[in-house]
Amino acid sequence: QVQLEESGGGLVHTGDSLRLSCGVSGRTFSTLAMGWFRQAPGRKREFVAMISGAGAQTNYGDSVKGRFTISRDNARNTMYLQMNSLKPEDTAAYFCAADSSYSSKWFLQTDRVEYWGKGTLVTVSS
């Protein structure tokens, strides 16, 4: 059973930086495409970023391009999301996700992404 666990959320101020981590167990990490989604209260789940198994390909949601960076360390079975220049509108629960494929499923058929973490809360105060 694949298990994902997020960490690193917290309360920060506008303009601050924060790094989220996602640890994975239960499967060879490098065989998984990984990504992040977020959901703010009362809003739909939003695609944030994704990264291929080897880390060579990445993709970002328009609202975070140029501010967030996704990366992974396959030796540590861990994925990261470096968030810079945070804004109040970045406030949300951030969810780590994993899937066997790096494909358009991540933004066209989100409900079919195979594995999900429980989320970590990021709050950005103005």
Foldseek 3Di string as FASTA:
>chain_A
DKAKAKDWADEEAAQAKTKMKIAIDDDQLLLKKKAKWWDAPPDDIGGAKIAHSVRPDMDGDPVQPPFWDWGDDSVRRMIMIIGGRDDQVVWTWMKMFIASDDDCCVPPVVVPGDDIHPTDTHGYHD
